[in-house]
Amino acid sequence: MRAVITVVGKDCVGILAEVSNACARNNVNISEVSQSILQDMFCMIMMADISKCAIPFAEFKAQLESKSEQLGLSIHVMHEDIFNSMHRI
């Protein structure tokens, strides 16, 4: 099972560290990362393996989304099945 994690917001030090630490604390493995800075905006997409997540997915999602409030970013976590269903024709 995988999840898609997106992060968008004003660039600042430690964004990648905060998100990856939250994943590591919950035994979520980041398998792929794409990030870029567009002028002063930070944009990142992660694929994460949630099959061994230490807590229920909904709780993990809530933890990361509460980080978005702390950091002033937009962080969204979506189960891969939902993501794939949304993008089928």
PDB file of N, CA and C in Angstrom:
ATOM      1  N   MET A   1       0.853  -1.177   0.000  1.00  0.00           N
ATOM      2  CA  MET A   1       0.000   0.000   0.000  1.00  0.00           C
ATOM      3  C   MET A   1       0.890   1.229   0.000  1.00  0.00           C
ATOM      4  N   ARG A   2       0.488   2.192  -0.816  1.00  0.00           N
ATOM      5  CA  ARG A   2       1.258   3.430  -0.903  1.00  0.00           C
ATOM      6  C   ARG A   2       0.341   4.631  -0.733  1.00  0.00           C
ATOM      7  N   ALA A   3       0.980   5.752  -0.430  1.00  0.00           N
ATOM      8  CA  ALA A   3       0.270   7.021  -0.320  1.00  0.00           C
ATOM      9  C   ALA A   3       1.020   8.068  -1.128  1.00  0.00           C
ATOM     10  N   VAL A   4       0.271   9.046  -1.607  1.00  0.00           N
ATOM     11  CA  VAL A   4       0.836  10.197  -2.301  1.00  0.00           C
ATOM     12  C   VAL A   4       0.776  11.358  -1.318  1.00  0.00           C
ATOM     13  N   ILE A   5       1.925  11.985  -1.083  1.00  0.00           N
ATOM     14  CA  ILE A   5       2.011  13.126  -0.174  1.00  0.00           C
ATOM     15  C   ILE A   5       2.446  14.336  -0.991  1.00  0.00           C
ATOM     16  N   THR A   6       1.673  15.403  -0.935  1.00  0.00           N
ATOM     17  CA  THR A   6       2.044  16.630  -1.639  1.00  0.00           C
ATOM     18  C   THR A   6       2.239  17.750  -0.628  1.00  0.00           C
ATOM     19  N   VAL A   7       3.234  18.583  -0.907  1.00  0.00           N
ATOM     20  CA  VAL A   7       3.549  19.713  -0.038  1.00  0.00           C
ATOM     21  C   VAL A   7       3.782  20.931  -0.920  1.00  0.00           C
ATOM     22  N   VAL A   8       3.068  22.017  -0.627  1.00  0.00           N
ATOM     23  CA  VAL A   8       3.219  23.259  -1.378  1.00  0.00           C
ATOM     24  C   VAL A   8       3.189  24.416  -0.391  1.00  0.00           C
ATOM     25  N   GLY A   9       4.085  25.369  -0.588  1.00  0.00           N
ATOM     26  CA  GLY A   9       4.067  26.557   0.255  1.00  0.00           C
ATOM     27  C   GLY A   9       5.322  27.380   0.093  1.00  0.00           C
ATOM     28  N   LYS A  10       5.387  28.459   0.831  1.00  0.00           N
ATOM     29  CA  LYS A  10       6.545  29.336   0.790  1.00  0.00           C
ATOM     30  C   LYS A  10       7.767  28.573   1.280  1.00  0.00           C
ATOM     31  N   ASP A  11       8.858  28.659   0.527  1.00  0.00           N
ATOM     32  CA  ASP A  11      10.068  27.920   0.854  1.00  0.00           C
ATOM     33  C   ASP A  11      10.672  28.404   2.173  1.00  0.00           C
ATOM     34  N   CYS A  12      11.113  27.446   2.982  1.00  0.00           N
ATOM     35  CA  CYS A  12      11.835  27.760   4.216  1.00  0.00           C
ATOM     36  C   CYS A  12      12.695  26.552   4.586  1.00  0.00           C
ATOM     37  N   VAL A  13      13.599  26.731   5.491  1.00  0.00           N
ATOM     38  CA  VAL A  13      14.500  25.667   5.921  1.00  0.00           C
ATOM     39  C   VAL A  13      13.719  24.589   6.671  1.00  0.00           C
ATOM     40  N   GLY A  14      13.973  23.321   6.342  1.00  0.00           N
ATOM     41  CA  GLY A  14      13.467  22.214   7.137  1.00  0.00           C
ATOM     42  C   GLY A  14      12.175  21.568   6.690  1.00  0.00           C
ATOM     43  N   ILE A  15      11.612  21.970   5.562  1.00  0.00           N
ATOM     44  CA  ILE A  15      10.338  21.374   5.131  1.00  0.00           C
ATOM     45  C   ILE A  15      10.501  19.878   4.884  1.00  0.00           C
ATOM     46  N   LEU A  16      11.472  19.512   4.076  1.00  0.00           N
ATOM     47  CA  LEU A  16      11.701  18.098   3.764  1.00  0.00           C
ATOM     48  C   LEU A  16      12.003  17.316   5.043  1.00  0.00           C
ATOM     49  N   ALA A  17      12.787  17.896   5.933  1.00  0.00           N
ATOM     50  CA  ALA A  17      13.125  17.228   7.194  1.00  0.00           C
ATOM     51  C   ALA A  17      11.886  16.984   8.051  1.00  0.00           C
ATOM     52  N   GLU A  18      11.005  17.958   8.148  1.00  0.00           N
ATOM     53  CA  GLU A  18       9.793  17.804   8.967  1.00  0.00           C
ATOM     54  C   GLU A  18       8.900  16.688   8.431  1.00  0.00           C
ATOM     55  N   VAL A  19       8.691  16.671   7.128  1.00  0.00           N
ATOM     56  CA  VAL A  19       7.814  15.660   6.525  1.00  0.00           C
ATOM     57  C   VAL A  19       8.453  14.272   6.608  1.00  0.00           C
ATOM     58  N   SER A  20       9.735  14.184   6.281  1.00  0.00           N
ATOM     59  CA  SER A  20      10.389  12.868   6.321  1.00  0.00           C
ATOM     60  C   SER A  20      10.520  12.353   7.751  1.00  0.00           C
ATOM     61  N   ASN A  21      10.723  13.230   8.724  1.00  0.00           N
ATOM     62  CA  ASN A  21      10.769  12.792  10.126  1.00  0.00           C
ATOM     63  C   ASN A  21       9.418  12.251  10.576  1.00  0.00           C
ATOM     64  N   ALA A  22       8.343  12.891  10.168  1.00  0.00           N
ATOM     65  CA  ALA A  22       7.005  12.395  10.511  1.00  0.00           C
ATOM     66  C   ALA A  22       6.787  11.011   9.917  1.00  0.00           C
ATOM     67  N   CYS A  23       7.270  10.804   8.697  1.00  0.00           N
ATOM     68  CA  CYS A  23       7.160   9.476   8.067  1.00  0.00           C
ATOM     69  C   CYS A  23       7.994   8.453   8.843  1.00  0.00           C
ATOM     70  N   ALA A  24       9.228   8.802   9.155  1.00  0.00           N
ATOM     71  CA  ALA A  24      10.126   7.870   9.851  1.00  0.00           C
ATOM     72  C   ALA A  24       9.584   7.480  11.225  1.00  0.00           C
ATOM     73  N   ARG A  25       9.035   8.447  11.956  1.00  0.00           N
ATOM     74  CA  ARG A  25       8.487   8.155  13.287  1.00  0.00           C
ATOM     75  C   ARG A  25       7.363   7.125  13.226  1.00  0.00           C
ATOM     76  N   ASN A  26       6.675   7.056  12.093  1.00  0.00           N
ATOM     77  CA  ASN A  26       5.536   6.149  11.946  1.00  0.00           C
ATOM     78  C   ASN A  26       5.838   4.946  11.061  1.00  0.00           C
ATOM     79  N   ASN A  27       7.135   4.709  10.791  1.00  0.00           N
ATOM     80  CA  ASN A  27       7.570   3.567  10.003  1.00  0.00           C
ATOM     81  C   ASN A  27       7.009   3.589   8.577  1.00  0.00           C
ATOM     82  N   VAL A  28       6.907   4.784   8.020  1.00  0.00           N
ATOM     83  CA  VAL A  28       6.458   4.976   6.639  1.00  0.00           C
ATOM     84  C   VAL A  28       7.710   5.223   5.795  1.00  0.00           C
ATOM     85  N   ASN A  29       7.923   4.410   4.773  1.00  0.00           N
ATOM     86  CA  ASN A  29       9.112   4.512   3.937  1.00  0.00           C
ATOM     87  C   ASN A  29       8.837   5.389   2.715  1.00  0.00           C
ATOM     88  N   ILE A  30       9.656   6.393   2.527  1.00  0.00           N
ATOM     89  CA  ILE A  30       9.537   7.259   1.348  1.00  0.00           C
ATOM     90  C   ILE A  30      10.273   6.577   0.206  1.00  0.00           C
ATOM     91  N   SER A  31       9.546   6.231  -0.848  1.00  0.00           N
ATOM     92  CA  SER A  31      10.155   5.497  -1.956  1.00  0.00           C
ATOM     93  C   SER A  31      10.574   6.400  -3.109  1.00  0.00           C
ATOM     94  N   GLU A  32       9.874   7.509  -3.300  1.00  0.00           N
ATOM     95  CA  GLU A  32      10.226   8.455  -4.370  1.00  0.00           C
ATOM     96  C   GLU A  32       9.904   9.864  -3.918  1.00  0.00           C
ATOM     97  N   VAL A  33      10.751  10.812  -4.356  1.00  0.00           N
ATOM     98  CA  VAL A  33      10.527  12.220  -4.040  1.00  0.00           C
ATOM     99  C   VAL A  33      10.844  13.051  -5.265  1.00  0.00           C
ATOM    100  N   SER A  34       9.975  13.998  -5.539  1.00  0.00           N
ATOM    101  CA  SER A  34      10.237  15.009  -6.556  1.00  0.00           C
ATOM    102  C   SER A  34       9.949  16.350  -5.916  1.00  0.00           C
ATOM    103  N   GLN A  35      10.925  17.253  -5.961  1.00  0.00           N
ATOM    104  CA  GLN A  35      10.700  18.563  -5.371  1.00  0.00           C
ATOM    105  C   GLN A  35      11.345  19.624  -6.227  1.00  0.00           C
ATOM    106  N   SER A  36      10.801  20.810  -6.151  1.00  0.00           N
ATOM    107  CA  SER A  36      11.397  21.940  -6.845  1.00  0.00           C
ATOM    108  C   SER A  36      11.004  23.217  -6.124  1.00  0.00           C
ATOM    109  N   ILE A  37      11.771  24.256  -6.398  1.00  0.00           N
ATOM    110  CA  ILE A  37      11.476  25.579  -5.890  1.00  0.00           C
ATOM    111  C   ILE A  37      11.103  26.425  -7.100  1.00  0.00           C
ATOM    112  N   LEU A  38       9.918  26.976  -7.087  1.00  0.00           N
ATOM    113  CA  LEU A  38       9.447  27.850  -8.167  1.00  0.00           C
ATOM    114  C   LEU A  38       9.382  29.259  -7.600  1.00  0.00           C
ATOM    115  N   GLN A  39      10.382  30.077  -7.966  1.00  0.00           N
ATOM    116  CA  GLN A  39      10.603  31.386  -7.346  1.00  0.00           C
ATOM    117  C   GLN A  39      10.753  31.175  -5.850  1.00  0.00           C
ATOM    118  N   ASP A  40       9.819  31.550  -5.016  1.00  0.00           N
ATOM    119  CA  ASP A  40       9.972  31.310  -3.581  1.00  0.00           C
ATOM    120  C   ASP A  40       8.968  30.274  -3.063  1.00  0.00           C
ATOM    121  N   MET A  41       8.391  29.490  -3.972  1.00  0.00           N
ATOM    122  CA  MET A  41       7.424  28.462  -3.586  1.00  0.00           C
ATOM    123  C   MET A  41       8.067  27.077  -3.628  1.00  0.00           C
ATOM    124  N   PHE A  42       7.888  26.321  -2.544  1.00  0.00           N
ATOM    125  CA  PHE A  42       8.377  24.955  -2.429  1.00  0.00           C
ATOM    126  C   PHE A  42       7.269  24.023  -2.893  1.00  0.00           C
ATOM    127  N   CYS A  43       7.600  23.072  -3.763  1.00  0.00           N
ATOM    128  CA  CYS A  43       6.623  22.104  -4.279  1.00  0.00           C
ATOM    129  C   CYS A  43       7.241  20.707  -4.212  1.00  0.00           C
ATOM    130  N   MET A  44       6.535  19.768  -3.592  1.00  0.00           N
ATOM    131  CA  MET A  44       7.078  18.415  -3.449  1.00  0.00           C
ATOM    132  C   MET A  44       5.961  17.382  -3.577  1.00  0.00           C
ATOM    133  N   ILE A  45       6.304  16.266  -4.213  1.00  0.00           N
ATOM    134  CA  ILE A  45       5.423  15.105  -4.285  1.00  0.00           C
ATOM    135  C   ILE A  45       6.238  13.905  -3.807  1.00  0.00           C
ATOM    136  N   MET A  46       5.661  13.132  -2.910  1.00  0.00           N
ATOM    137  CA  MET A  46       6.313  11.924  -2.402  1.00  0.00           C
ATOM    138  C   MET A  46       5.417  10.716  -2.632  1.00  0.00           C
ATOM    139  N   MET A  47       6.031   9.594  -2.934  1.00  0.00           N
ATOM    140  CA  MET A  47       5.353   8.306  -2.889  1.00  0.00           C
ATOM    141  C   MET A  47       5.885   7.621  -1.641  1.00  0.00           C
ATOM    142  N   ALA A  48       4.988   7.146  -0.795  1.00  0.00           N
ATOM    143  CA  ALA A  48       5.398   6.546   0.471  1.00  0.00           C
ATOM    144  C   ALA A  48       4.739   5.187   0.654  1.00  0.00           C
ATOM    145  N   ASP A  49       5.529   4.230   1.116  1.00  0.00           N
ATOM    146  CA  ASP A  49       5.030   2.890   1.416  1.00  0.00           C
ATOM    147  C   ASP A  49       4.430   2.922   2.822  1.00  0.00           C
ATOM    148  N   ILE A  50       3.121   2.727   2.917  1.00  0.00           N
ATOM    149  CA  ILE A  50       2.427   2.797   4.205  1.00  0.00           C
ATOM    150  C   ILE A  50       2.041   1.413   4.724  1.00  0.00           C
ATOM    151  N   SER A  51       2.547   0.366   4.072  1.00  0.00           N
ATOM    152  CA  SER A  51       2.147  -0.999   4.461  1.00  0.00           C
ATOM    153  C   SER A  51       2.580  -1.366   5.882  1.00  0.00           C
ATOM    154  N   LYS A  52       3.625  -0.736   6.399  1.00  0.00           N
ATOM    155  CA  LYS A  52       4.098  -1.032   7.753  1.00  0.00           C
ATOM    156  C   LYS A  52       3.893   0.150   8.693  1.00  0.00           C
ATOM    157  N   CYS A  53       2.991   1.032   8.336  1.00  0.00           N
ATOM    158  CA  CYS A  53       2.737   2.221   9.151  1.00  0.00           C
ATOM    159  C   CYS A  53       2.334   1.802  10.572  1.00  0.00           C
ATOM    160  N   ALA A  54       2.937   2.445  11.560  1.00  0.00           N
ATOM    161  CA  ALA A  54       2.736   2.080  12.966  1.00  0.00           C
ATOM    162  C   ALA A  54       1.373   2.502  13.514  1.00  0.00           C
ATOM    163  N   ILE A  55       0.689   3.373  12.799  1.00  0.00           N
ATOM    164  CA  ILE A  55      -0.618   3.870  13.239  1.00  0.00           C
ATOM    165  C   ILE A  55      -1.602   3.752  12.086  1.00  0.00           C
ATOM    166  N   PRO A  56      -2.905   3.848  12.347  1.00  0.00           N
ATOM    167  CA  PRO A  56      -3.878   3.809  11.243  1.00  0.00           C
ATOM    168  C   PRO A  56      -3.629   4.944  10.247  1.00  0.00           C
ATOM    169  N   PHE A  57      -3.917   4.669   8.977  1.00  0.00           N
ATOM    170  CA  PHE A  57      -3.670   5.649   7.920  1.00  0.00           C
ATOM    171  C   PHE A  57      -4.326   6.993   8.221  1.00  0.00           C
ATOM    172  N   ALA A  58      -5.553   6.991   8.694  1.00  0.00           N
ATOM    173  CA  ALA A  58      -6.270   8.240   8.979  1.00  0.00           C
ATOM    174  C   ALA A  58      -5.524   9.077  10.017  1.00  0.00           C
ATOM    175  N   GLU A  59      -4.938   8.404  10.995  1.00  0.00           N
ATOM    176  CA  GLU A  59      -4.177   9.116  12.036  1.00  0.00           C
ATOM    177  C   GLU A  59      -2.877   9.696  11.455  1.00  0.00           C
ATOM    178  N   PHE A  60      -2.208   8.911  10.601  1.00  0.00           N
ATOM    179  CA  PHE A  60      -0.988   9.394   9.938  1.00  0.00           C
ATOM    180  C   PHE A  60      -1.306  10.621   9.094  1.00  0.00           C
ATOM    181  N   LYS A  61      -2.376  10.529   8.340  1.00  0.00           N
ATOM    182  CA  LYS A  61      -2.804  11.644   7.497  1.00  0.00           C
ATOM    183  C   LYS A  61      -3.081  12.885   8.355  1.00  0.00           C
ATOM    184  N   ALA A  62      -3.774  12.713   9.459  1.00  0.00           N
ATOM    185  CA  ALA A  62      -4.085  13.830  10.351  1.00  0.00           C
ATOM    186  C   ALA A  62      -2.815  14.449  10.938  1.00  0.00           C
ATOM    187  N   GLN A  63      -1.837  13.607  11.278  1.00  0.00           N
ATOM    188  CA  GLN A  63      -0.571  14.127  11.812  1.00  0.00           C
ATOM    189  C   GLN A  63       0.120  15.030  10.804  1.00  0.00           C
ATOM    190  N   LEU A  64       0.209  14.559   9.559  1.00  0.00           N
ATOM    191  CA  LEU A  64       0.878  15.367   8.545  1.00  0.00           C
ATOM    192  C   LEU A  64       0.092  16.638   8.230  1.00  0.00           C
ATOM    193  N   GLU A  65      -1.225  16.521   8.194  1.00  0.00           N
ATOM    194  CA  GLU A  65      -2.023  17.706   7.896  1.00  0.00           C
ATOM    195  C   GLU A  65      -1.956  18.727   9.036  1.00  0.00           C
ATOM    196  N   SER A  66      -1.754  18.283  10.278  1.00  0.00           N
ATOM    197  CA  SER A  66      -1.574  19.234  11.370  1.00  0.00           C
ATOM    198  C   SER A  66      -0.211  19.913  11.266  1.00  0.00           C
ATOM    199  N   LYS A  67       0.782  19.208  10.697  1.00  0.00           N
ATOM    200  CA  LYS A  67       2.082  19.829  10.417  1.00  0.00           C
ATOM    201  C   LYS A  67       1.921  20.990   9.446  1.00  0.00           C
ATOM    202  N   SER A  68       0.978  20.865   8.529  1.00  0.00           N
ATOM    203  CA  SER A  68       0.796  21.929   7.539  1.00  0.00           C
ATOM    204  C   SER A  68       0.402  23.236   8.215  1.00  0.00           C
ATOM    205  N   GLU A  69      -0.397  23.153   9.268  1.00  0.00           N
ATOM    206  CA  GLU A  69      -0.786  24.353  10.009  1.00  0.00           C
ATOM    207  C   GLU A  69       0.418  24.949  10.729  1.00  0.00           C
ATOM    208  N   GLN A  70       1.233  24.095  11.350  1.00  0.00           N
ATOM    209  CA  GLN A  70       2.422  24.556  12.068  1.00  0.00           C
ATOM    210  C   GLN A  70       3.414  25.250  11.142  1.00  0.00           C
ATOM    211  N   LEU A  71       3.587  24.707   9.937  1.00  0.00           N
ATOM    212  CA  LEU A  71       4.603  25.202   9.018  1.00  0.00           C
ATOM    213  C   LEU A  71       4.070  26.217   8.019  1.00  0.00           C
ATOM    214  N   GLY A  72       2.772  26.435   8.000  1.00  0.00           N
ATOM    215  CA  GLY A  72       2.190  27.372   7.042  1.00  0.00           C
ATOM    216  C   GLY A  72       2.248  26.860   5.617  1.00  0.00           C
ATOM    217  N   LEU A  73       2.056  25.561   5.456  1.00  0.00           N
ATOM    218  CA  LEU A  73       2.110  24.911   4.148  1.00  0.00           C
ATOM    219  C   LEU A  73       0.796  24.216   3.848  1.00  0.00           C
ATOM    220  N   SER A  74       0.656  23.779   2.622  1.00  0.00           N
ATOM    221  CA  SER A  74      -0.454  22.907   2.248  1.00  0.00           C
ATOM    222  C   SER A  74       0.112  21.501   2.101  1.00  0.00           C
ATOM    223  N   ILE A  75      -0.264  20.600   3.020  1.00  0.00           N
ATOM    224  CA  ILE A  75       0.184  19.210   2.960  1.00  0.00           C
ATOM    225  C   ILE A  75      -1.047  18.327   2.826  1.00  0.00           C
ATOM    226  N   HIS A  76      -1.043  17.491   1.778  1.00  0.00           N
ATOM    227  CA  HIS A  76      -2.150  16.566   1.559  1.00  0.00           C
ATOM    228  C   HIS A  76      -1.603  15.147   1.455  1.00  0.00           C
ATOM    229  N   VAL A  77      -2.309  14.219   2.074  1.00  0.00           N
ATOM    230  CA  VAL A  77      -1.934  12.808   2.044  1.00  0.00           C
ATOM    231  C   VAL A  77      -3.122  12.042   1.477  1.00  0.00           C
ATOM    232  N   MET A  78      -2.867  11.276   0.423  1.00  0.00           N
ATOM    233  CA  MET A  78      -3.946  10.541  -0.226  1.00  0.00           C
ATOM    234  C   MET A  78      -3.510   9.095  -0.469  1.00  0.00           C
ATOM    235  N   HIS A  79      -4.360   8.158  -0.085  1.00  0.00           N
ATOM    236  CA  HIS A  79      -4.079   6.748  -0.346  1.00  0.00           C
ATOM    237  C   HIS A  79      -3.983   6.547  -1.852  1.00  0.00           C
ATOM    238  N   GLU A  80      -3.044   5.734  -2.289  1.00  0.00           N
ATOM    239  CA  GLU A  80      -2.825   5.504  -3.715  1.00  0.00           C
ATOM    240  C   GLU A  80      -4.090   5.030  -4.428  1.00  0.00           C
ATOM    241  N   ASP A  81      -4.900   4.192  -3.795  1.00  0.00           N
ATOM    242  CA  ASP A  81      -6.129   3.702  -4.426  1.00  0.00           C
ATOM    243  C   ASP A  81      -7.077   4.852  -4.762  1.00  0.00           C
ATOM    244  N   ILE A  82      -7.209   5.796  -3.841  1.00  0.00           N
ATOM    245  CA  ILE A  82      -8.065   6.957  -4.090  1.00  0.00           C
ATOM    246  C   ILE A  82      -7.480   7.809  -5.208  1.00  0.00           C
ATOM    247  N   PHE A  83      -6.177   8.037  -5.152  1.00  0.00           N
ATOM    248  CA  PHE A  83      -5.496   8.813  -6.186  1.00  0.00           C
ATOM    249  C   PHE A  83      -5.723   8.192  -7.566  1.00  0.00           C
ATOM    250  N   ASN A  84      -5.519   6.879  -7.674  1.00  0.00           N
ATOM    251  CA  ASN A  84      -5.701   6.199  -8.965  1.00  0.00           C
ATOM    252  C   ASN A  84      -7.151   6.266  -9.428  1.00  0.00           C
ATOM    253  N   SER A  85      -8.104   6.112  -8.527  1.00  0.00           N
ATOM    254  CA  SER A  85      -9.515   6.187  -8.897  1.00  0.00           C
ATOM    255  C   SER A  85      -9.892   7.552  -9.414  1.00  0.00           C
ATOM    256  N   MET A  86      -9.319   8.573  -8.835  1.00  0.00           N
ATOM    257  CA  MET A  86      -9.630   9.946  -9.261  1.00  0.00           C
ATOM    258  C   MET A  86      -9.096  10.254 -10.659  1.00  0.00           C
ATOM    259  N   HIS A  87      -8.055   9.532 -11.062  1.00  0.00           N
ATOM    260  CA  HIS A  87      -7.393   9.848 -12.329  1.00  0.00           C
ATOM    261  C   HIS A  87      -7.634   8.821 -13.431  1.00  0.00           C
ATOM    262  N   ARG A  88      -8.662   8.016 -13.253  1.00  0.00           N
ATOM    263  CA  ARG A  88      -9.062   7.076 -14.312  1.00  0.00           C
ATOM    264  C   ARG A  88     -10.076   7.737 -15.218  1.00  0.00           C
ATOM    265  N   ILE A  89     -10.016   7.399 -16.469  1.00  0.00           N
ATOM    266  CA  ILE A  89     -10.974   7.946 -17.424  1.00  0.00           C
ATOM    267  C   ILE A  89     -12.116   6.960 -17.587  1.00  0.00           C
TER     268      ILE A  89
END
